[in-house]
């Protein structure tokens, strides 16, 4: 009987502790709500996230976790290391372009403006447009300068910019609803007969990311443009840019091969759209900004990070397998994508070397040599599309393998054409 009484006493004490913790949490939440209710409303033009954070302290606390640096995932993370460490072929593939001098893994959004300010001068030549997605100050500056925004140098515009990516980039201060603040996305959607204002909330949880996590280029007026008119795949974007002889845009000319090339940016939104998660209605925020419970309040995490760091919150809400199994499965897809990516990259280096050799050979057939360059451009574009997207193929595994297998095939064709041009079949 004494034993039974002791157990009942322990249960009672445990119950009191739990109820006490719940009461304290409830009181804390009430206190936070009371304090925020006394604050003045957030201004329409407010771009300082710390001001927003006073109204939404729990969300802001998760945002501040983005200060973390030096942590690597298998294929990314918050450590600013050179991507050429994993893919040394990049030095040749991007020769003649700023990315051959510096191409680092990005840190978090928290450091977007700081890290952007430290890129090599070769990569700042494009001017003010390089800052387009780095600060919530940009929408106001676009409104102020209009089409003249792109005419400023990087240094001129940087002096007018404050704060890295923050709340006002995605939220309307009146009611916290999601909004689009970058006109390039609005214009791209209009060209394909879509209006973001008619999008569902779930669609908006991806579209706000599509303001920046996309392929883009600077047109002749130095205006940020998304090449979406033909579609979102690597094939469709290449069709948009046009064939080798009549391309509407060239990023640079690779000096060894003499090939006019396209540089992919980070087509994360476009690449993900054909994937299994997007097909199931999953938004970017579902995985990269999972819900978390703080006390008796559920908030959306604003610690923008790889879901491999938050598997329990990001993945197990739908997938019932254990965290270790899920992480291994993610790496299963990524490892195979990386192997194919390296193969495509090294074959493009071989194509560059063969084209260079042929261009220096007396009596080379110029028409066939141009065919080799066109094939090289198509191959490297698909390699770069896959190298630049940030999921290492996971967002759309089948499309990723299609892109890389096509890149490998086109690289073989470029090598063969280059040899044929100098009569070395």
Protein backbone atom coordinates (compact mmCIF):
# COMPACT_ATOMS: atom_id res chain seq x y z
CA UNK A 1 0.00 0.00 0.00
CA UNK A 2 2.90 2.33 0.82
CA UNK A 3 4.31 1.71 -2.67
CA UNK A 4 0.95 2.53 -4.27
CA UNK A 5 0.66 5.71 -2.24
CA UNK A 6 4.17 6.76 -3.22
CA UNK A 7 3.37 6.28 -6.93
CA UNK A 8 0.15 8.29 -6.60
CA UNK A 9 2.10 11.08 -4.90
CA UNK A 10 4.64 11.13 -7.73
CA UNK A 11 1.85 11.28 -10.31
CA UNK A 12 0.24 14.15 -8.43
CA UNK A 13 3.54 16.06 -8.23
CA UNK A 14 4.21 15.47 -11.93
CA UNK A 15 0.72 16.72 -12.74
CA UNK A 16 1.28 19.86 -10.69
CA UNK A 17 4.61 20.49 -12.47
CA UNK A 18 3.02 20.07 -15.91
CA UNK A 19 0.08 22.31 -15.04
CA UNK A 20 2.48 24.86 -13.59
CA UNK A 21 4.57 24.86 -16.76
CA UNK A 22 1.44 25.26 -18.87
CA UNK A 23 0.28 28.13 -16.67
CA UNK A 24 3.67 29.87 -16.90
CA UNK A 25 3.70 29.45 -20.68
CA UNK A 26 0.16 30.82 -20.91
CA UNK A 27 1.07 33.79 -18.73
CA UNK A 28 4.20 34.49 -20.80
CA UNK A 29 2.21 34.39 -24.03
CA UNK A 30 -0.38 36.74 -22.54
CA UNK A 31 2.39 39.10 -21.45
CA UNK A 32 3.94 39.08 -24.94
CA UNK A 33 0.55 39.80 -26.50
CA UNK A 34 -0.08 42.63 -24.06
CA UNK A 35 3.32 44.18 -24.74
CA UNK A 36 3.01 43.99 -28.53
CA UNK A 37 -0.51 45.46 -28.39
CA UNK A 38 0.98 48.69 -26.98
CA UNK A 39 3.41 49.11 -29.88
CA UNK A 40 2.72 51.54 -32.73
CA UNK A 41 1.78 49.82 -36.02
CA UNK A 42 4.56 48.84 -38.42
CA UNK A 43 5.00 51.54 -41.05
CA UNK A 44 4.27 50.81 -44.71
CA UNK A 45 7.88 51.65 -45.64
CA UNK A 46 9.54 49.98 -42.63
CA UNK A 47 12.45 47.77 -43.79
CA UNK A 48 14.24 47.22 -40.46
CA UNK A 49 13.38 43.66 -39.43
CA UNK A 50 14.20 44.39 -35.79
CA UNK A 51 11.20 46.76 -35.70
CA UNK A 52 8.97 43.99 -37.03
CA UNK A 53 10.57 41.69 -34.47
CA UNK A 54 9.15 43.71 -31.59
CA UNK A 55 5.67 42.81 -32.84
CA UNK A 56 6.52 39.17 -33.60
CA UNK A 57 9.30 38.23 -31.14
CA UNK A 58 9.00 34.46 -31.50
CA UNK A 59 9.23 34.60 -35.28
CA UNK A 60 12.07 37.10 -35.07
CA UNK A 61 13.99 34.82 -32.71
CA UNK A 62 13.89 32.08 -35.35
CA UNK A 63 14.99 34.62 -37.98
CA UNK A 64 18.02 35.49 -35.84
CA UNK A 65 19.12 31.84 -35.91
CA UNK A 66 20.28 32.73 -39.43
CA UNK A 67 23.32 34.33 -37.82
CA UNK A 68 24.78 30.84 -37.59
CA UNK A 69 27.83 30.31 -39.80
CA UNK A 70 30.38 27.61 -40.46
CA UNK A 71 27.98 24.65 -40.58
CA UNK A 72 28.10 22.40 -43.63
CA UNK A 73 25.52 19.97 -44.85
CA UNK A 74 26.71 17.34 -47.31
CA UNK A 75 26.09 19.61 -50.31
CA UNK A 76 25.60 23.07 -48.83
CA UNK A 77 25.18 24.75 -45.48
CA UNK A 78 26.19 28.08 -43.96
CA UNK A 79 29.94 27.73 -44.42
CA UNK A 80 31.32 30.10 -47.07
CA UNK A 81 33.62 27.69 -48.88
CA UNK A 82 34.58 27.72 -52.55
CA UNK A 83 32.34 25.54 -54.69
CA UNK A 84 35.43 24.67 -56.72
CA UNK A 85 36.52 22.53 -53.75
CA UNK A 86 33.87 19.98 -54.71
CA UNK A 87 33.90 20.73 -58.44
CA UNK A 88 37.41 21.82 -59.51
CA UNK A 89 36.32 21.71 -63.16
CA UNK A 90 34.49 24.99 -62.50
CA UNK A 91 37.77 26.88 -62.86
CA UNK A 92 37.92 25.90 -66.53
CA UNK A 93 34.19 25.98 -67.23
CA UNK A 94 33.89 29.57 -65.96
CA UNK A 95 37.26 30.80 -67.27
CA UNK A 96 36.99 34.38 -68.47
CA UNK A 97 34.11 35.09 -66.08
CA UNK A 98 33.99 36.31 -62.49
CA UNK A 99 32.79 32.95 -61.21
CA UNK A 100 36.17 31.42 -62.07
CA UNK A 101 37.79 33.82 -59.60
CA UNK A 102 35.21 33.42 -56.84
CA UNK A 103 32.17 31.20 -56.48
CA UNK A 104 31.38 30.53 -52.84
CA UNK A 105 28.66 28.58 -51.12
CA UNK A 106 26.28 31.22 -49.81
CA UNK A 107 25.77 31.77 -46.12
CA UNK A 108 22.30 32.54 -44.78
CA UNK A 109 19.95 35.31 -45.93
CA UNK A 110 21.11 37.19 -42.85
CA UNK A 111 24.49 37.79 -44.52
CA UNK A 112 23.24 38.31 -48.08
CA UNK A 113 24.13 42.00 -48.27
CA UNK A 114 27.44 41.68 -46.43
CA UNK A 115 28.65 38.76 -48.54
CA UNK A 116 27.47 40.41 -51.74
CA UNK A 117 29.51 43.51 -50.91
CA UNK A 118 32.66 41.39 -50.72
CA UNK A 119 32.44 39.65 -54.10
CA UNK A 120 35.32 40.23 -56.50
CA UNK A 121 35.23 43.38 -58.68
CA UNK A 122 34.86 41.17 -61.75
CA UNK A 123 31.44 40.06 -60.52
CA UNK A 124 30.30 43.61 -59.67
CA UNK A 125 30.64 44.85 -63.25
CA UNK A 126 26.93 44.26 -63.90
CA UNK A 127 26.24 47.19 -61.59
CA UNK A 128 23.31 48.00 -59.30
CA UNK A 129 21.25 45.03 -60.49
CA UNK A 130 23.57 42.75 -58.49
CA UNK A 131 21.82 44.07 -55.38
CA UNK A 132 18.32 43.29 -56.66
CA UNK A 133 17.61 40.49 -54.18
CA UNK A 134 19.94 41.37 -51.33
CA UNK A 135 18.00 43.97 -49.35
CA UNK A 136 14.45 45.10 -48.50
CA UNK A 137 15.59 48.61 -49.47
CA UNK A 138 15.52 47.64 -53.15
CA UNK A 139 11.74 47.93 -53.81
CA UNK A 140 11.83 51.54 -52.60
CA UNK A 141 14.86 52.30 -54.76
CA UNK A 142 13.20 50.69 -57.78
CA UNK A 143 10.18 52.89 -57.17
CA UNK A 144 12.43 55.94 -56.82
CA UNK A 145 14.60 55.41 -59.90
CA UNK A 146 12.40 53.30 -62.15
CA UNK A 147 14.16 52.05 -65.28
CA UNK A 148 17.24 54.10 -64.37
CA UNK A 149 17.98 51.77 -61.44
CA UNK A 150 20.13 49.50 -63.60
CA UNK A 151 22.21 52.41 -64.88
CA UNK A 152 23.87 52.95 -61.50
CA UNK A 153 27.16 51.30 -60.65
CA UNK A 154 27.24 48.75 -57.86
CA UNK A 155 29.12 51.14 -55.59
CA UNK A 156 26.67 54.01 -56.21
CA UNK A 157 23.66 51.91 -55.30
CA UNK A 158 25.30 50.10 -52.40
CA UNK A 159 25.65 53.43 -50.56
CA UNK A 160 21.85 53.74 -50.58
CA UNK A 161 21.10 50.24 -49.30
CA UNK A 162 20.51 49.21 -45.69
CA UNK A 163 19.68 45.85 -44.14
CA UNK A 164 19.85 42.35 -45.61
CA UNK A 165 16.85 40.27 -46.70
CA UNK A 166 14.03 40.70 -44.21
CA UNK A 167 10.36 40.81 -43.29
CA UNK A 168 9.19 43.50 -45.72
CA UNK A 169 10.51 41.55 -48.71
CA UNK A 170 7.66 39.07 -48.31
CA UNK A 171 5.07 40.50 -45.89
CA UNK A 172 2.55 43.33 -45.96
CA UNK A 173 2.92 45.18 -42.63
CA UNK A 174 -0.83 45.86 -42.41
CA UNK A 175 -1.84 42.24 -41.92
CA UNK A 176 1.29 40.09 -42.46
CA UNK A 177 -0.15 38.65 -45.66
CA UNK A 178 2.38 37.47 -48.22
CA UNK A 179 3.16 39.86 -51.06
CA UNK A 180 5.45 40.22 -54.07
CA UNK A 181 7.87 43.14 -53.92
CA UNK A 182 10.12 42.38 -56.91
CA UNK A 183 8.67 43.59 -60.24
CA UNK A 184 10.67 41.04 -62.26
CA UNK A 185 8.47 38.24 -60.90
CA UNK A 186 5.27 40.22 -61.46
CA UNK A 187 6.28 40.88 -65.08
CA UNK A 188 7.35 37.28 -65.70
CA UNK A 189 4.00 36.00 -64.42
CA UNK A 190 2.10 38.52 -66.52
CA UNK A 191 3.89 37.32 -69.66
CA UNK A 192 2.55 33.81 -69.02
CA UNK A 193 -0.93 35.11 -68.16
CA UNK A 194 -0.71 34.70 -64.40
CA UNK A 195 -1.60 37.21 -61.69
CA UNK A 196 0.03 36.69 -58.30
CA UNK A 197 -2.85 38.52 -56.60
CA UNK A 198 -5.11 35.61 -57.57
CA UNK A 199 -2.74 32.99 -56.12
CA UNK A 200 -3.80 30.87 -53.16
CA UNK A 201 -2.02 31.21 -49.84
CA UNK A 202 -0.29 27.89 -50.47
CA UNK A 203 0.93 29.10 -53.86
CA UNK A 204 2.18 32.30 -52.25
CA UNK A 205 4.26 30.23 -49.84
CA UNK A 206 6.38 29.37 -52.88
CA UNK A 207 5.95 32.52 -54.98
CA UNK A 208 7.58 34.75 -52.38
CA UNK A 209 10.66 32.55 -52.74
CA UNK A 210 10.39 32.81 -56.53
CA UNK A 211 11.17 36.51 -56.29
CA UNK A 212 14.84 35.57 -56.03
CA UNK A 213 15.44 31.81 -56.11
CA UNK A 214 15.13 31.72 -59.89
CA UNK A 215 17.02 31.89 -63.16
CA UNK A 216 17.32 35.46 -64.41
CA UNK A 217 19.43 37.62 -66.66
CA UNK A 218 20.04 41.33 -67.18
CA UNK A 219 18.58 42.43 -70.51
CA UNK A 220 20.04 45.15 -72.73
CA UNK A 221 18.44 47.83 -70.55
CA UNK A 222 20.09 46.22 -67.48
CA UNK A 223 16.70 45.16 -66.21
CA UNK A 224 16.30 41.91 -64.26
CA UNK A 225 14.34 39.49 -66.44
CA UNK A 226 13.12 35.92 -65.84
CA UNK A 227 13.27 33.75 -69.02
CA UNK A 228 9.92 32.04 -68.39
CA UNK A 229 8.05 32.80 -71.60
CA UNK A 230 8.57 29.28 -73.01
CA UNK A 231 8.49 27.43 -69.69
CA UNK A 232 10.60 26.60 -66.65
CA UNK A 233 12.78 23.68 -67.73
CA UNK A 234 16.37 23.95 -68.94
CA UNK A 235 15.22 22.95 -72.43
CA UNK A 236 12.49 25.62 -72.51
CA UNK A 237 14.77 28.34 -71.19
CA UNK A 238 17.36 27.53 -73.84
CA UNK A 239 14.60 27.87 -76.43
CA UNK A 240 13.75 31.28 -74.95
CA UNK A 241 17.35 32.48 -75.23
CA UNK A 242 17.49 31.29 -78.84
CA UNK A 243 19.89 29.11 -80.80
CA UNK A 244 23.63 29.64 -80.76
CA UNK A 245 23.75 31.86 -83.82
CA UNK A 246 20.78 34.05 -82.82
CA UNK A 247 20.87 34.13 -79.02
CA UNK A 248 19.18 37.17 -77.46
CA UNK A 249 21.68 37.05 -74.60
CA UNK A 250 25.29 36.01 -74.00
CA UNK A 251 26.81 36.13 -70.52
CA UNK A 252 30.41 35.72 -71.60
CA UNK A 253 32.78 34.03 -74.02
CA UNK A 254 34.92 31.19 -72.68
CA UNK A 255 38.43 32.20 -73.83
CA UNK A 256 39.85 28.74 -74.57
CA UNK A 257 36.99 27.44 -76.70
CA UNK A 258 35.66 30.78 -77.92
CA UNK A 259 32.14 29.59 -77.05
CA UNK A 260 29.49 32.19 -76.23
CA UNK A 261 27.89 30.88 -73.05
CA UNK A 262 24.92 31.33 -70.75
CA UNK A 263 25.40 31.44 -66.97
CA UNK A 264 22.60 29.85 -64.95
CA UNK A 265 21.81 31.55 -61.65
CA UNK A 266 19.80 29.54 -59.11
CA UNK A 267 16.66 28.10 -60.76
CA UNK A 268 15.32 26.60 -57.54
CA UNK A 269 11.67 27.56 -58.02
CA UNK A 270 11.56 26.48 -61.66
CA UNK A 271 13.38 23.18 -61.07
CA UNK A 272 11.17 22.25 -58.13
CA UNK A 273 7.90 22.81 -60.00
CA UNK A 274 8.00 19.51 -61.87
CA UNK A 275 9.05 17.53 -58.82
CA UNK A 276 7.00 15.09 -56.78
CA UNK A 277 6.60 17.45 -53.81
CA UNK A 278 5.30 20.35 -55.90
CA UNK A 279 2.97 17.96 -57.73
CA UNK A 280 1.54 16.98 -54.34
CA UNK A 281 0.89 20.63 -53.48
CA UNK A 282 3.85 21.04 -51.14
CA UNK A 283 5.19 24.62 -50.97
CA UNK A 284 8.78 25.75 -50.41
CA UNK A 285 7.84 26.98 -46.93
CA UNK A 286 6.40 23.60 -45.89
CA UNK A 287 9.89 22.11 -45.87
CA UNK A 288 12.21 25.09 -45.48
CA UNK A 289 10.06 27.02 -42.97
CA UNK A 290 8.25 24.32 -40.96
CA UNK A 291 5.76 25.09 -38.24
CA UNK A 292 7.08 24.87 -34.70
CA UNK A 293 5.34 25.17 -31.35
CA UNK A 294 6.67 27.67 -28.81
CA UNK A 295 4.71 27.34 -25.60
CA UNK A 296 1.06 27.24 -26.64
CA UNK A 297 1.69 29.18 -29.87
CA UNK A 298 2.38 27.70 -33.31
CA UNK A 299 4.69 29.81 -35.48
CA UNK A 300 6.33 29.44 -38.87
CA UNK A 301 10.09 29.07 -38.53
CA UNK A 302 12.02 31.84 -40.27
CA UNK A 303 15.31 30.04 -39.91
CA UNK A 304 15.77 29.44 -43.64
CA UNK A 305 17.85 26.31 -43.74
CA UNK A 306 18.20 22.94 -45.43
CA UNK A 307 15.44 20.55 -44.30
CA UNK A 308 18.22 18.04 -43.59
CA UNK A 309 18.78 20.17 -40.47
CA UNK A 310 15.10 20.06 -39.45
CA UNK A 311 13.92 16.63 -40.61
CA UNK A 312 11.65 16.04 -37.63
CA UNK A 313 9.66 19.22 -38.29
CA UNK A 314 10.04 19.36 -42.08
CA UNK A 315 9.68 15.74 -43.18
CA UNK A 316 8.11 13.51 -40.56
CA UNK A 317 4.81 15.39 -40.66
CA UNK A 318 4.15 13.48 -43.90
CA UNK A 319 6.78 10.72 -43.99
CA UNK A 320 6.53 8.17 -41.20
CA UNK A 321 9.99 6.68 -41.64
CA UNK A 322 12.63 7.62 -39.09
CA UNK A 323 14.91 10.65 -39.38
CA UNK A 324 17.99 8.56 -40.16
CA UNK A 325 16.21 6.70 -42.96
CA UNK A 326 14.93 9.95 -44.44
CA UNK A 327 18.36 11.61 -44.36
CA UNK A 328 19.92 8.56 -46.02
CA UNK A 329 17.24 8.65 -48.70
CA UNK A 330 17.89 12.34 -49.42
CA UNK A 331 21.59 11.62 -49.75
CA UNK A 332 20.84 8.61 -51.97
CA UNK A 333 19.33 10.94 -54.58
CA UNK A 334 21.86 13.72 -54.08
CA UNK A 335 24.90 11.44 -54.34
CA UNK A 336 23.77 10.07 -57.70
CA UNK A 337 22.99 13.55 -58.97
CA UNK A 338 26.43 14.76 -57.87
CA UNK A 339 28.15 11.86 -59.62
CA UNK A 340 26.35 12.70 -62.88
CA UNK A 341 27.05 16.41 -62.38
CA UNK A 342 30.79 15.78 -62.07
CA UNK A 343 30.72 13.56 -65.15
CA UNK A 344 28.95 16.25 -67.19
CA UNK A 345 31.33 18.93 -65.93
CA UNK A 346 34.51 17.02 -66.76
CA UNK A 347 33.20 16.17 -70.24
CA UNK A 348 32.53 19.85 -70.85
CA UNK A 349 36.14 20.58 -69.90
CA UNK A 350 37.19 17.96 -72.46
CA UNK A 351 34.96 19.65 -75.05
CA UNK A 352 36.61 23.00 -74.30
CA UNK A 353 40.06 21.49 -74.73
CA UNK A 354 39.14 19.79 -78.01
CA UNK A 355 37.56 22.95 -79.44
CA UNK A 356 40.61 24.98 -78.42
CA UNK A 357 42.91 22.44 -80.06
CA UNK A 358 40.90 22.50 -83.27
CA UNK A 359 40.76 26.31 -83.35
CA UNK A 360 44.57 26.35 -83.37
CA UNK A 361 44.84 23.73 -86.12
CA UNK A 362 45.63 24.95 -89.64
CA UNK A 363 42.90 24.17 -92.15
CA UNK A 364 40.20 23.59 -89.55
CA UNK A 365 36.65 23.53 -90.92
CA UNK A 366 35.08 26.70 -89.42
CA UNK A 367 31.47 25.56 -89.95
CA UNK A 368 31.96 22.29 -88.07
CA UNK A 369 33.91 24.14 -85.37
CA UNK A 370 30.92 26.44 -84.83
CA UNK A 371 28.71 23.35 -84.57
CA UNK A 372 31.01 22.10 -81.82
CA UNK A 373 30.69 25.42 -79.98
CA UNK A 374 26.89 25.33 -80.27
CA UNK A 375 26.84 21.81 -78.83
CA UNK A 376 29.20 22.88 -76.06
CA UNK A 377 26.93 25.81 -75.15
CA UNK A 378 23.87 23.53 -74.94
CA UNK A 379 25.75 20.99 -72.85
CA UNK A 380 27.28 23.45 -70.40
CA UNK A 381 23.95 25.25 -69.99
CA UNK A 382 22.31 22.05 -68.72
CA UNK A 383 25.27 21.25 -66.49
CA UNK A 384 25.17 24.77 -65.06
CA UNK A 385 21.40 24.70 -64.53
CA UNK A 386 21.92 21.64 -62.33
CA UNK A 387 25.05 22.97 -60.65
CA UNK A 388 23.41 26.31 -59.81
CA UNK A 389 20.17 24.95 -58.33
CA UNK A 390 20.51 24.47 -54.60
CA UNK A 391 19.01 21.04 -53.85
CA UNK A 392 21.69 18.92 -55.56
CA UNK A 393 18.94 17.41 -57.67
CA UNK A 394 16.57 16.51 -54.83
CA UNK A 395 13.77 18.93 -55.75
CA UNK A 396 13.12 17.09 -59.02
CA UNK A 397 15.24 13.96 -59.32
CA UNK A 398 13.96 12.72 -62.67
CA UNK A 399 14.23 16.10 -64.40
CA UNK A 400 17.69 16.49 -62.91
CA UNK A 401 18.91 13.21 -64.35
CA UNK A 402 17.34 14.09 -67.70
CA UNK A 403 19.25 17.39 -67.77
CA UNK A 404 22.55 15.79 -66.83
CA UNK A 405 22.24 12.83 -69.20
CA UNK A 406 21.47 15.27 -72.00
CA UNK A 407 24.46 17.41 -70.98
CA UNK A 408 26.71 14.35 -71.11
CA UNK A 409 25.38 13.35 -74.53
CA UNK A 410 25.79 16.87 -75.94
CA UNK A 411 29.33 17.10 -74.55
CA UNK A 412 30.25 13.87 -76.35
CA UNK A 413 28.78 15.34 -79.54
CA UNK A 414 30.77 18.56 -79.06
CA UNK A 415 33.99 16.59 -78.58
CA UNK A 416 33.32 14.54 -81.70
CA UNK A 417 32.47 17.64 -83.76
CA UNK A 418 35.62 19.45 -82.62
CA UNK A 419 37.76 16.49 -83.66
CA UNK A 420 35.91 16.19 -86.95
CA UNK A 421 36.52 19.89 -87.64
CA UNK A 422 40.26 19.29 -87.70
CA UNK A 423 40.02 15.93 -89.44
CA UNK A 424 40.92 13.90 -86.37
CA UNK A 425 37.97 11.49 -86.23
